[in-house]
């Protein structure tokens, strides 16, 4: 075998990044070439208690959180990582995923999974706001995540907005953040 030192897990990761067997078939036939670049690497699990993460957000006057985010962080069980890890974020538009006329979140998430991308943990929202301080004024980043109380995080000039279930596929539409597998320290 040409790549005898390649482990099965590495082979499987390559397959997943190409969208499984169907994606590899399309790739080999030249029908599609989808490339995702790591946009930003952030750390999760830097705070071992949700209250400390909330405190960091609240101490910074330049960070605005709306009432929905406040309720999600303060009143609901909010999952955080207790192990420090790095997560590789990918920025991708709805149009690049092939949805020229918009799509539901479920369709977007399903298509991204075919390319080996994963939904982000909820902690990405507040951690990204703390670690990504200089954001373009017109940039709107939607965290692709499982909703908490029908809410997902979005970063723009404000910390969070409610998720809009149908998005336009034009250049002005929000960009979704997904991630590759996690590196644990």
Protein backbone atom coordinates (compact mmCIF):
# COMPACT_ATOMS: atom_id res chain seq x y z
CA UNK A 1 0.00 0.00 0.00
CA UNK A 2 1.36 3.40 -0.98
CA UNK A 3 0.42 5.01 2.36
CA UNK A 4 1.15 2.15 4.72
CA UNK A 5 1.90 4.45 7.66
CA UNK A 6 -1.55 6.04 7.49
CA UNK A 7 -3.78 4.91 10.33
CA UNK A 8 -7.44 4.06 9.82
CA UNK A 9 -8.56 7.11 11.82
CA UNK A 10 -6.58 9.42 9.53
CA UNK A 11 -8.04 7.75 6.45
CA UNK A 12 -11.52 8.15 7.92
CA UNK A 13 -10.88 11.86 8.65
CA UNK A 14 -9.89 12.44 5.02
CA UNK A 15 -13.05 10.67 3.87
CA UNK A 16 -15.20 12.75 6.23
CA UNK A 17 -13.65 16.02 5.07
CA UNK A 18 -14.64 15.10 1.51
CA UNK A 19 -18.21 14.33 2.53
CA UNK A 20 -17.98 10.56 2.95
CA UNK A 21 -18.05 8.09 0.06
CA UNK A 22 -20.33 10.28 -2.07
CA UNK A 23 -18.07 13.30 -1.62
CA UNK A 24 -14.97 11.26 -2.47
CA UNK A 25 -16.70 9.87 -5.57
CA UNK A 26 -17.56 13.40 -6.70
CA UNK A 27 -14.06 14.66 -5.87
CA UNK A 28 -12.38 11.89 -7.87
CA UNK A 29 -14.70 12.47 -10.82
CA UNK A 30 -13.83 16.17 -10.82
CA UNK A 31 -17.45 17.23 -10.35
CA UNK A 32 -16.84 19.16 -7.17
CA UNK A 33 -13.96 20.67 -5.31
CA UNK A 34 -14.93 22.17 -1.99
CA UNK A 35 -12.12 23.53 0.11
CA UNK A 36 -12.53 24.78 3.65
CA UNK A 37 -9.88 26.86 5.31
CA UNK A 38 -9.39 27.24 9.01
CA UNK A 39 -10.50 30.80 9.73
CA UNK A 40 -9.66 31.01 13.40
CA UNK A 41 -8.54 28.75 16.21
CA UNK A 42 -9.98 29.52 19.63
CA UNK A 43 -9.70 27.91 23.03
CA UNK A 44 -12.58 26.34 24.91
CA UNK A 45 -12.51 25.28 28.53
CA UNK A 46 -10.50 28.31 29.67
CA UNK A 47 -13.01 28.88 32.47
CA UNK A 48 -14.15 25.91 34.51
CA UNK A 49 -17.32 27.60 35.75
CA UNK A 50 -20.05 29.26 33.69
CA UNK A 51 -20.20 32.11 36.22
CA UNK A 52 -16.56 33.03 35.49
CA UNK A 53 -17.20 33.05 31.73
CA UNK A 54 -20.26 35.27 32.26
CA UNK A 55 -18.22 37.56 34.50
CA UNK A 56 -15.61 38.09 31.78
CA UNK A 57 -18.34 39.05 29.31
CA UNK A 58 -20.03 41.41 31.75
CA UNK A 59 -16.82 43.14 32.87
CA UNK A 60 -16.06 44.31 29.34
CA UNK A 61 -18.08 47.42 28.49
CA UNK A 62 -17.44 46.91 24.76
CA UNK A 63 -19.39 43.62 24.75
CA UNK A 64 -23.16 43.91 24.42
CA UNK A 65 -25.45 41.00 25.22
CA UNK A 66 -29.15 41.10 24.58
CA UNK A 67 -31.79 39.83 27.00
CA UNK A 68 -32.09 36.45 25.27
CA UNK A 69 -28.36 35.79 25.67
CA UNK A 70 -28.56 36.95 29.27
CA UNK A 71 -31.32 34.43 29.96
CA UNK A 72 -29.49 31.59 28.19
CA UNK A 73 -26.28 32.22 30.13
CA UNK A 74 -27.81 33.03 33.53
CA UNK A 75 -30.99 31.03 33.82
CA UNK A 76 -30.43 27.82 31.86
CA UNK A 77 -27.86 25.06 32.21
CA UNK A 78 -25.12 26.26 29.87
CA UNK A 79 -22.65 23.62 28.70
CA UNK A 80 -18.95 24.42 28.90
CA UNK A 81 -15.87 22.31 28.42
CA UNK A 82 -14.00 21.36 31.57
CA UNK A 83 -10.95 20.38 29.51
CA UNK A 84 -8.97 23.09 27.75
CA UNK A 85 -9.03 22.46 24.02
CA UNK A 86 -8.51 24.22 20.73
CA UNK A 87 -11.25 24.34 18.14
CA UNK A 88 -10.62 25.12 14.47
CA UNK A 89 -13.40 27.31 13.10
CA UNK A 90 -14.42 27.44 9.46
CA UNK A 91 -16.34 30.37 7.95
CA UNK A 92 -18.71 29.37 5.19
CA UNK A 93 -21.56 31.16 3.47
CA UNK A 94 -24.91 29.60 2.73
CA UNK A 95 -24.20 30.11 -0.98
CA UNK A 96 -20.86 28.27 -0.82
CA UNK A 97 -22.68 25.27 0.61
CA UNK A 98 -24.77 25.31 -2.58
CA UNK A 99 -27.90 27.09 -1.37
CA UNK A 100 -28.32 30.01 -3.77
CA UNK A 101 -31.86 30.82 -2.59
CA UNK A 102 -31.41 30.29 1.14
CA UNK A 103 -32.09 27.21 3.25
CA UNK A 104 -33.26 26.11 6.66
CA UNK A 105 -30.74 25.65 9.44
CA UNK A 106 -31.37 21.89 9.32
CA UNK A 107 -30.51 21.75 5.60
CA UNK A 108 -27.40 23.87 6.11
CA UNK A 109 -26.20 21.71 9.00
CA UNK A 110 -26.88 18.47 7.10
CA UNK A 111 -24.93 19.68 4.04
CA UNK A 112 -22.00 20.86 6.17
CA UNK A 113 -21.86 17.47 7.89
CA UNK A 114 -21.49 15.80 4.49
CA UNK A 115 -18.26 17.77 4.10
CA UNK A 116 -16.94 16.64 7.47
CA UNK A 117 -17.81 19.80 9.38
CA UNK A 118 -19.34 19.72 12.85
CA UNK A 119 -21.75 21.91 14.78
CA UNK A 120 -19.99 24.12 17.29
CA UNK A 121 -20.38 23.67 21.02
CA UNK A 122 -22.46 26.49 22.54
CA UNK A 123 -19.37 27.74 24.38
CA UNK A 124 -17.97 28.95 21.03
CA UNK A 125 -20.36 31.95 21.14
CA UNK A 126 -19.08 33.62 24.31
CA UNK A 127 -15.48 32.41 23.86
CA UNK A 128 -15.29 33.76 20.31
CA UNK A 129 -16.64 37.13 21.47
CA UNK A 130 -13.89 37.27 24.10
CA UNK A 131 -11.12 36.07 21.74
CA UNK A 132 -12.18 37.86 18.52
CA UNK A 133 -12.24 41.50 19.50
CA UNK A 134 -11.61 43.34 16.23
CA UNK A 135 -14.59 42.47 14.06
CA UNK A 136 -15.56 44.15 10.80
CA UNK A 137 -18.64 46.35 11.13
CA UNK A 138 -20.62 44.52 8.45
CA UNK A 139 -19.54 40.99 9.43
CA UNK A 140 -22.30 38.79 10.84
CA UNK A 141 -21.20 35.37 12.09
CA UNK A 142 -23.81 32.77 12.99
CA UNK A 143 -22.58 30.00 15.27
CA UNK A 144 -23.82 26.71 13.83
CA UNK A 145 -24.86 24.95 17.02
CA UNK A 146 -27.67 23.02 18.64
CA UNK A 147 -30.08 25.66 19.93
CA UNK A 148 -30.49 26.36 23.63
CA UNK A 149 -34.08 27.42 24.33
CA UNK A 150 -34.59 28.00 20.57
CA UNK A 151 -31.58 30.35 20.51
CA UNK A 152 -28.24 30.21 18.79
CA UNK A 153 -25.45 32.77 19.04
CA UNK A 154 -24.54 35.29 16.40
CA UNK A 155 -21.65 37.75 16.49
CA UNK A 156 -21.96 41.13 14.85
CA UNK A 157 -21.74 44.58 16.36
CA UNK A 158 -23.75 43.01 19.16
CA UNK A 159 -22.95 39.78 20.95
CA UNK A 160 -26.05 37.82 20.07
CA UNK A 161 -29.21 37.78 18.02
CA UNK A 162 -31.97 35.25 17.74
CA UNK A 163 -31.42 32.82 14.90
CA UNK A 164 -33.32 33.53 11.69
CA UNK A 165 -34.57 30.14 10.43
CA UNK A 166 -34.35 30.98 6.70
CA UNK A 167 -31.36 32.85 5.32
CA UNK A 168 -30.75 34.43 1.98
CA UNK A 169 -27.90 32.88 -0.02
CA UNK A 170 -26.53 36.20 -1.27
CA UNK A 171 -23.24 37.81 -0.26
CA UNK A 172 -25.01 39.85 2.41
CA UNK A 173 -26.23 36.78 4.26
CA UNK A 174 -24.67 35.66 7.52
CA UNK A 175 -21.69 33.38 7.44
CA UNK A 176 -21.90 30.16 9.40
CA UNK A 177 -19.13 29.01 11.68
CA UNK A 178 -18.58 25.29 11.92
CA UNK A 179 -15.56 23.35 13.06
CA UNK A 180 -13.18 20.54 12.30
CA UNK A 181 -12.44 17.93 14.98
CA UNK A 182 -11.15 19.26 18.31
CA UNK A 183 -7.56 19.20 19.59
CA UNK A 184 -7.29 18.55 23.33
CA UNK A 185 -4.24 19.88 25.15
